[in-house]
Amino acid sequence: MFGIGFAVQLDSAERRGAHFTRHFSRRLTILFIIGMAHALIWYGDILKDYALIGFVLLATARWTATGIGRAAAAVLFARALWPLLVIALVIPLAAPEQGSDPAGDFFERARIFAGTDPWAIFNTNLELLRIKALQMIYDGKAVSVLGMFLVGARIGKRRLYRNLVDNKLVLRRIFVMSAVVGVIGNAALVPIDWATPEYPPTTMWVVEQALFAIAVPAMRFAYASGFALLWQSRVGVALRLLAPVGRMALTTYVSQTLIGVSVFYGIGLAQGGTIGLVECMFFAVMVFALQCVVSGLWLRFFRFGPLERIWRRTTYGTPLPMLRRIPVAA
């Protein structure tokens, strides 16, 4: 979606004769600032990573759809080979200490969130933020993100999202092939991931990461093509109920963090570790359902979500009316 958005904005800028590079760079800079502010609350933020990786897309602004497609294929192929590069560099250059347990150390640090000392929670969050940044490189997740951005940019360049009906047969083929590979691959990943330590890298870790590089993108393609097909079916009417929360995706994402911290951290309701995974998933679904309702009500009266308005206002640098024009009955 990020890559498609990039292509849509590029097309819009070309039609208006606007300076796209300057505009998109400012947009990414603001997103990075929002992401860093969010990361100070929760180390798992992805906005800042999207913003930094998004700058790479600027190099493709004048490329053809074919050129971007080739670049996407090359990056995704490099992601599959990434574990070999990591194991070749880490073993001789950064041999792990005897008895080290990074995963155990991570969870031990995370226990601090159950406490009530705000300063200790803040410092722990900063440390885990540093670890996550290293993990984005170590696991090749940054490469995966770039690959999917390029796939989206190619879709946007070809404007495939504008004509789903004529591409229904192609979407079905993509869905079937991707779903088969994605479901089988991810099912195989579960026991492998459970039995394979994250660090130090081993031969089994390389196998796991290589499988990840194939199975996870396949599942993404299956989700995207599946939703595109459902959108054209009778189910599409129900899916349109998700449109408001999609238009407020930034606000939705950040507000989920605020809700999670308020409910699970020790400085909030301290429910972390007191409920099981099934209950957690049920809680997540309920929160998202509530956000869908709130987003629909919000957009009846306002043109943008709160954070979306800030993002657009700081990007364009001009005042933007927030309220919708609602006709008043005489």
Protein backbone atom coordinates (compact mmCIF):
# COMPACT_ATOMS: atom_id res chain seq x y z
CA MET A 1 0.00 0.00 0.00
CA PHE A 2 2.89 2.37 0.75
CA GLY A 3 4.39 1.72 -2.69
CA ILE A 4 1.04 2.16 -4.43
CA GLY A 5 0.55 5.44 -2.56
CA PHE A 6 3.97 6.58 -3.76
CA ALA A 7 3.02 5.91 -7.40
CA VAL A 8 -0.39 7.59 -7.01
CA GLN A 9 1.18 10.74 -5.57
CA LEU A 10 3.85 10.72 -8.30
CA ASP A 11 1.16 10.52 -10.98
CA SER A 12 -0.81 13.33 -9.32
CA ALA A 13 2.28 15.56 -9.07
CA GLU A 14 3.11 15.01 -12.75
CA ARG A 15 -0.41 15.98 -13.80
CA ARG A 16 -0.26 19.14 -11.69
CA GLY A 17 3.29 19.98 -12.73
CA ALA A 18 4.36 19.96 -9.07
CA HIS A 19 7.85 19.26 -7.69
CA PHE A 20 7.33 15.68 -6.53
CA THR A 21 10.75 14.97 -4.95
CA ARG A 22 10.53 17.97 -2.65
CA HIS A 23 6.94 17.21 -1.71
CA PHE A 24 7.47 13.49 -1.05
CA SER A 25 10.71 14.12 0.88
CA ARG A 26 8.88 16.54 3.18
CA ARG A 27 6.07 14.01 3.58
CA LEU A 28 8.52 11.28 4.57
CA THR A 29 10.37 13.60 6.95
CA ILE A 30 7.14 14.43 8.79
CA LEU A 31 6.27 10.72 8.92
CA PHE A 32 9.71 10.01 10.40
CA ILE A 33 9.17 12.64 13.11
CA ILE A 34 5.76 11.18 13.96
CA GLY A 35 7.31 7.71 14.00
CA MET A 36 10.11 8.74 16.35
CA ALA A 37 7.61 10.33 18.73
CA HIS A 38 5.59 7.10 18.60
CA ALA A 39 8.73 5.01 19.12
CA LEU A 40 9.43 6.84 22.38
CA ILE A 41 6.17 5.30 23.62
CA TRP A 42 6.50 1.88 21.98
CA TYR A 43 9.73 0.41 20.61
CA GLY A 44 7.85 -1.63 17.97
CA ASP A 45 7.04 1.43 15.82
CA ILE A 46 7.31 0.84 12.06
CA LEU A 47 6.54 4.38 10.82
CA LYS A 48 10.10 5.67 11.13
CA ASP A 49 11.40 2.59 9.29
CA TYR A 50 8.86 3.08 6.50
CA ALA A 51 9.89 6.73 6.20
CA LEU A 52 13.62 5.96 5.96
CA ILE A 53 13.16 3.11 3.48
CA GLY A 54 10.65 5.24 1.57
CA PHE A 55 13.43 7.64 0.60
CA VAL A 56 14.90 4.85 -1.55
CA LEU A 57 11.72 4.93 -3.66
CA LEU A 58 12.60 8.44 -4.81
CA ALA A 59 15.37 6.95 -6.97
CA THR A 60 12.69 5.11 -8.97
CA ALA A 61 10.47 8.12 -9.65
CA ARG A 62 11.42 8.25 -13.35
CA TRP A 63 11.61 4.49 -13.88
CA THR A 64 9.16 2.55 -15.99
CA ALA A 65 6.85 -0.05 -14.46
CA THR A 66 9.04 -2.75 -16.02
CA GLY A 67 12.19 -1.31 -14.45
CA ILE A 68 10.57 -1.09 -11.04
CA GLY A 69 9.32 -4.68 -11.40
CA ARG A 70 12.83 -5.91 -12.13
CA ALA A 71 14.16 -4.00 -9.15
CA ALA A 72 11.46 -5.55 -6.94
CA ALA A 73 12.36 -9.04 -8.12
CA ALA A 74 16.07 -8.37 -7.50
CA VAL A 75 15.45 -7.05 -3.98
CA LEU A 76 13.18 -9.97 -3.03
CA PHE A 77 15.78 -12.39 -4.40
CA ALA A 78 18.47 -10.60 -2.37
CA ARG A 79 16.24 -11.02 0.70
CA ALA A 80 16.31 -14.80 0.18
CA LEU A 81 20.13 -14.69 0.06
CA TRP A 82 20.41 -12.25 2.97
CA PRO A 83 20.79 -14.95 5.68
CA LEU A 84 23.90 -16.30 3.92
CA LEU A 85 25.47 -12.84 4.03
CA VAL A 86 24.60 -12.45 7.71
CA ILE A 87 26.05 -15.79 8.75
CA ALA A 88 29.18 -15.09 6.71
CA LEU A 89 29.74 -11.78 8.49
CA VAL A 90 28.46 -12.42 12.02
CA ILE A 91 30.35 -15.62 12.79
CA PRO A 92 33.88 -14.29 12.07
CA LEU A 93 33.27 -10.64 13.02
CA ALA A 94 30.89 -10.82 15.99
CA ALA A 95 31.20 -14.21 17.61
CA PRO A 96 28.61 -14.51 20.42
CA GLU A 97 29.68 -14.86 24.02
CA GLN A 98 29.37 -18.23 25.71
CA GLY A 99 26.01 -18.69 27.37
CA SER A 100 24.51 -15.59 25.77
CA ASP A 101 20.73 -15.63 25.38
CA PRO A 102 19.51 -12.54 23.48
CA ALA A 103 15.90 -13.74 23.43
CA GLY A 104 15.89 -14.31 27.19
CA ASP A 105 17.55 -10.95 27.74
CA PHE A 106 14.88 -9.28 25.60
CA PHE A 107 11.99 -10.76 27.57
CA GLU A 108 13.73 -9.98 30.85
CA ARG A 109 13.97 -6.32 29.85
CA ALA A 110 10.35 -6.30 28.69
CA ARG A 111 9.25 -7.25 32.22
CA ILE A 112 10.06 -3.67 33.22
CA PHE A 113 6.88 -2.58 31.41
CA ALA A 114 4.86 -4.28 34.13
CA GLY A 115 6.33 -1.88 36.70
CA THR A 116 5.11 1.54 37.70
CA ASP A 117 8.36 3.53 37.33
CA PRO A 118 7.87 5.75 34.22
CA TRP A 119 11.60 6.54 33.94
CA ALA A 120 12.58 2.85 34.03
CA ILE A 121 9.94 2.07 31.40
CA PHE A 122 11.19 4.90 29.18
CA ASN A 123 14.84 3.80 29.41
CA THR A 124 13.92 0.16 28.73
CA ASN A 125 11.87 1.23 25.73
CA LEU A 126 14.91 3.11 24.35
CA GLU A 127 17.12 0.04 24.73
CA LEU A 128 14.58 -2.22 23.03
CA LEU A 129 14.22 0.38 20.29
CA ARG A 130 17.95 0.06 19.61
CA ILE A 131 17.70 -3.75 19.56
CA LYS A 132 14.77 -3.62 17.15
CA ALA A 133 16.71 -1.37 14.77
CA LEU A 134 19.54 -3.91 14.72
CA GLN A 135 17.06 -6.74 14.22
CA MET A 136 15.57 -5.00 11.16
CA ILE A 137 18.99 -5.38 9.55
CA TYR A 138 19.94 -8.75 11.04
CA ASP A 139 16.72 -10.48 9.99
CA GLY A 140 16.56 -8.74 6.62
CA LYS A 141 13.19 -7.15 7.41
CA ALA A 142 14.36 -3.82 6.00
CA VAL A 143 15.14 -5.56 2.70
CA SER A 144 11.69 -7.20 2.74
CA VAL A 145 9.99 -3.84 3.29
CA LEU A 146 11.89 -2.29 0.38
CA GLY A 147 10.94 -5.22 -1.86
CA MET A 148 7.24 -4.85 -1.05
CA PHE A 149 7.43 -1.07 -1.54
CA LEU A 150 8.78 -1.68 -5.04
CA VAL A 151 6.05 -4.23 -5.79
CA GLY A 152 3.46 -1.67 -4.75
CA ALA A 153 5.15 1.04 -6.83
CA ARG A 154 4.96 -1.21 -9.90
CA ILE A 155 1.26 -1.89 -9.27
CA GLY A 156 0.70 1.84 -8.89
CA LYS A 157 2.68 2.67 -12.04
CA ARG A 158 0.54 0.27 -14.07
CA ARG A 159 -2.62 1.54 -12.32
CA LEU A 160 -3.82 -2.00 -11.75
CA TYR A 161 -5.80 -0.89 -8.69
CA ARG A 162 -8.04 1.25 -10.92
CA ASN A 163 -9.38 -1.59 -13.02
CA LEU A 164 -9.89 -4.65 -10.85
CA VAL A 165 -12.70 -6.05 -13.00
CA ASP A 166 -10.57 -6.52 -16.12
CA ASN A 167 -7.78 -8.02 -14.02
CA LYS A 168 -10.00 -10.51 -12.18
CA LEU A 169 -8.48 -13.54 -13.93
CA VAL A 170 -4.94 -12.39 -13.11
CA LEU A 171 -5.94 -11.73 -9.50
CA ARG A 172 -7.38 -15.23 -9.20
CA ARG A 173 -4.17 -16.80 -10.50
CA ILE A 174 -2.09 -14.71 -8.12
CA PHE A 175 -4.35 -15.61 -5.21
CA VAL A 176 -4.29 -19.37 -5.84
CA MET A 177 -0.53 -19.61 -6.34
CA SER A 178 0.32 -17.23 -3.50
CA ALA A 179 -2.13 -18.79 -1.05
CA VAL A 180 -0.78 -22.29 -1.64
CA VAL A 181 2.84 -21.21 -1.19
CA GLY A 182 1.98 -18.86 1.68
CA VAL A 183 -0.12 -21.28 3.72
CA ILE A 184 2.24 -24.24 3.31
CA GLY A 185 5.35 -22.10 3.86
CA ASN A 186 4.03 -20.34 6.95
CA ALA A 187 2.75 -23.61 8.41
CA ALA A 188 6.27 -25.02 8.02
CA LEU A 189 7.74 -21.89 9.60
CA VAL A 190 5.87 -22.34 12.88
CA PRO A 191 7.74 -25.44 14.20
CA ILE A 192 11.03 -24.28 12.64
CA ASP A 193 10.82 -20.89 14.32
CA TRP A 194 9.87 -22.50 17.63
CA ALA A 195 12.96 -24.73 17.60
CA THR A 196 15.49 -22.29 16.09
CA PRO A 197 17.27 -19.66 18.24
CA GLU A 198 17.43 -16.19 16.73
CA TYR A 199 21.08 -15.78 17.66
CA PRO A 200 23.76 -16.83 16.92
CA PRO A 201 22.92 -17.61 13.28
CA THR A 202 23.02 -21.32 12.47
CA THR A 203 22.40 -23.39 9.36
CA MET A 204 18.81 -23.96 10.51
CA TRP A 205 18.40 -20.23 11.04
CA VAL A 206 19.49 -19.66 7.43
CA VAL A 207 16.90 -22.21 6.26
CA GLU A 208 14.22 -20.52 8.36
CA GLN A 209 15.03 -17.05 7.04
CA ALA A 210 15.18 -18.23 3.42
CA LEU A 211 11.77 -19.86 3.83
CA PHE A 212 10.51 -16.66 5.47
CA ALA A 213 11.68 -14.68 2.42
CA ILE A 214 9.43 -16.81 0.20
CA ALA A 215 6.43 -17.70 2.37
CA VAL A 216 5.72 -14.31 3.91
CA PRO A 217 5.67 -12.25 0.68
CA ALA A 218 3.50 -14.99 -0.88
CA MET A 219 1.02 -14.58 1.97
CA ARG A 220 1.02 -10.81 1.43
CA PHE A 221 0.18 -11.30 -2.25
CA ALA A 222 -2.59 -13.72 -1.26
CA TYR A 223 -4.07 -11.18 1.18
CA ALA A 224 -3.92 -8.32 -1.35
CA SER A 225 -5.33 -10.27 -4.30
CA GLY A 226 -7.91 -11.96 -2.06
CA PHE A 227 -9.24 -8.65 -0.77
CA ALA A 228 -9.27 -7.25 -4.31
CA LEU A 229 -11.42 -10.21 -5.42
CA LEU A 230 -13.72 -9.93 -2.41
CA TRP A 231 -14.14 -6.22 -3.10
CA GLN A 232 -15.79 -7.10 -6.42
CA SER A 233 -18.08 -9.70 -4.87
CA ARG A 234 -21.15 -9.39 -2.67
CA VAL A 235 -18.83 -9.33 0.33
CA GLY A 236 -17.48 -6.06 -1.01
CA VAL A 237 -20.43 -4.22 0.51
CA ALA A 238 -19.33 -5.35 3.97
CA LEU A 239 -15.67 -4.59 3.23
CA ARG A 240 -16.58 -1.00 2.49
CA LEU A 241 -17.29 -0.62 6.20
CA LEU A 242 -13.49 -0.75 6.64
CA ALA A 243 -12.93 2.23 4.34
CA PRO A 244 -13.16 4.92 7.09
CA VAL A 245 -10.59 3.21 9.33
CA GLY A 246 -8.37 2.84 6.26
CA ARG A 247 -8.58 6.57 5.62
CA MET A 248 -7.49 7.08 9.24
CA ALA A 249 -4.78 4.40 9.22
CA LEU A 250 -2.12 6.59 10.88
CA THR A 251 -4.41 7.64 13.73
CA THR A 252 -5.64 4.05 14.09
CA TYR A 253 -2.10 2.68 14.32
CA VAL A 254 -0.86 5.16 16.93
CA SER A 255 -4.06 5.02 18.99
CA GLN A 256 -3.71 1.22 19.24
CA THR A 257 -0.40 1.81 21.00
CA LEU A 258 -1.96 4.28 23.42
CA ILE A 259 -4.74 1.79 24.16
CA GLY A 260 -2.27 -1.07 24.61
CA VAL A 261 0.00 0.90 26.94
CA SER A 262 -2.99 2.08 28.98
CA VAL A 263 -4.33 -1.45 29.38
CA PHE A 264 -1.21 -3.64 29.67
CA TYR A 265 1.59 -1.51 31.16
CA GLY A 266 2.11 -1.12 34.90
CA ILE A 267 1.54 2.63 34.63
CA GLY A 268 -1.94 1.81 33.25
CA LEU A 269 -4.30 -1.02 34.17
CA ALA A 270 -1.38 -3.49 34.51
CA GLN A 271 -3.08 -6.31 32.60
CA GLY A 272 0.14 -7.43 30.90
CA GLY A 273 0.77 -11.14 31.50
CA THR A 274 -2.59 -11.67 33.20
CA ILE A 275 -4.54 -12.86 30.17
CA GLY A 276 -3.80 -15.55 27.58
CA LEU A 277 -3.11 -15.31 23.86
CA VAL A 278 -6.69 -16.14 22.86
CA GLU A 279 -8.02 -13.39 25.10
CA CYS A 280 -5.39 -11.00 23.71
CA MET A 281 -6.51 -11.72 20.15
CA PHE A 282 -10.14 -11.22 21.13
CA PHE A 283 -9.19 -7.92 22.76
CA ALA A 284 -7.34 -6.82 19.61
CA VAL A 285 -10.34 -7.62 17.39
CA MET A 286 -12.67 -5.73 19.71
CA VAL A 287 -10.38 -2.69 19.74
CA PHE A 288 -10.20 -2.68 15.93
CA ALA A 289 -13.99 -3.08 15.64
CA LEU A 290 -14.45 -0.11 17.96
CA GLN A 291 -11.96 1.89 15.89
CA CYS A 292 -13.97 1.10 12.74
CA VAL A 293 -17.10 2.52 14.36
CA VAL A 294 -15.33 5.61 15.72
CA SER A 295 -13.62 6.26 12.35
CA GLY A 296 -16.96 6.12 10.54
CA LEU A 297 -18.52 8.58 12.98
CA TRP A 298 -15.48 10.87 12.92
CA LEU A 299 -15.40 11.14 9.12
CA ARG A 300 -19.05 12.12 9.02
CA PHE A 301 -18.06 15.46 10.50
CA PHE A 302 -14.36 15.81 9.69
CA ARG A 303 -12.39 15.48 6.45
CA PHE A 304 -9.30 13.86 8.02
CA GLY A 305 -8.26 11.88 11.06
CA PRO A 306 -6.38 13.90 13.73
CA LEU A 307 -2.89 12.67 12.81
CA GLU A 308 -3.71 12.61 9.11
CA ARG A 309 -4.62 16.28 9.33
CA ILE A 310 -1.32 17.10 11.07
CA TRP A 311 0.60 15.09 8.47
CA ARG A 312 -1.09 16.80 5.52
CA ARG A 313 -0.92 20.27 7.09
CA THR A 314 2.81 20.04 7.77
CA THR A 315 3.49 18.46 4.37
CA TYR A 316 1.67 21.05 2.26
CA GLY A 317 2.33 23.99 4.56
CA THR A 318 -1.09 25.50 3.88
CA PRO A 319 -4.24 25.65 6.03
CA LEU A 320 -6.63 22.76 5.50
CA PRO A 321 -10.31 22.93 6.48
CA MET A 322 -11.03 20.18 8.99
CA LEU A 323 -14.83 20.25 9.17
CA ARG A 324 -16.99 18.81 6.42
CA ARG A 325 -19.55 21.08 4.82
CA ILE A 326 -22.84 19.74 6.14
CA PRO A 327 -25.98 21.12 4.43
CA VAL A 328 -28.34 22.72 6.91
CA ALA A 329 -32.08 22.17 6.38
CA ALA A 330 -34.04 25.39 6.05
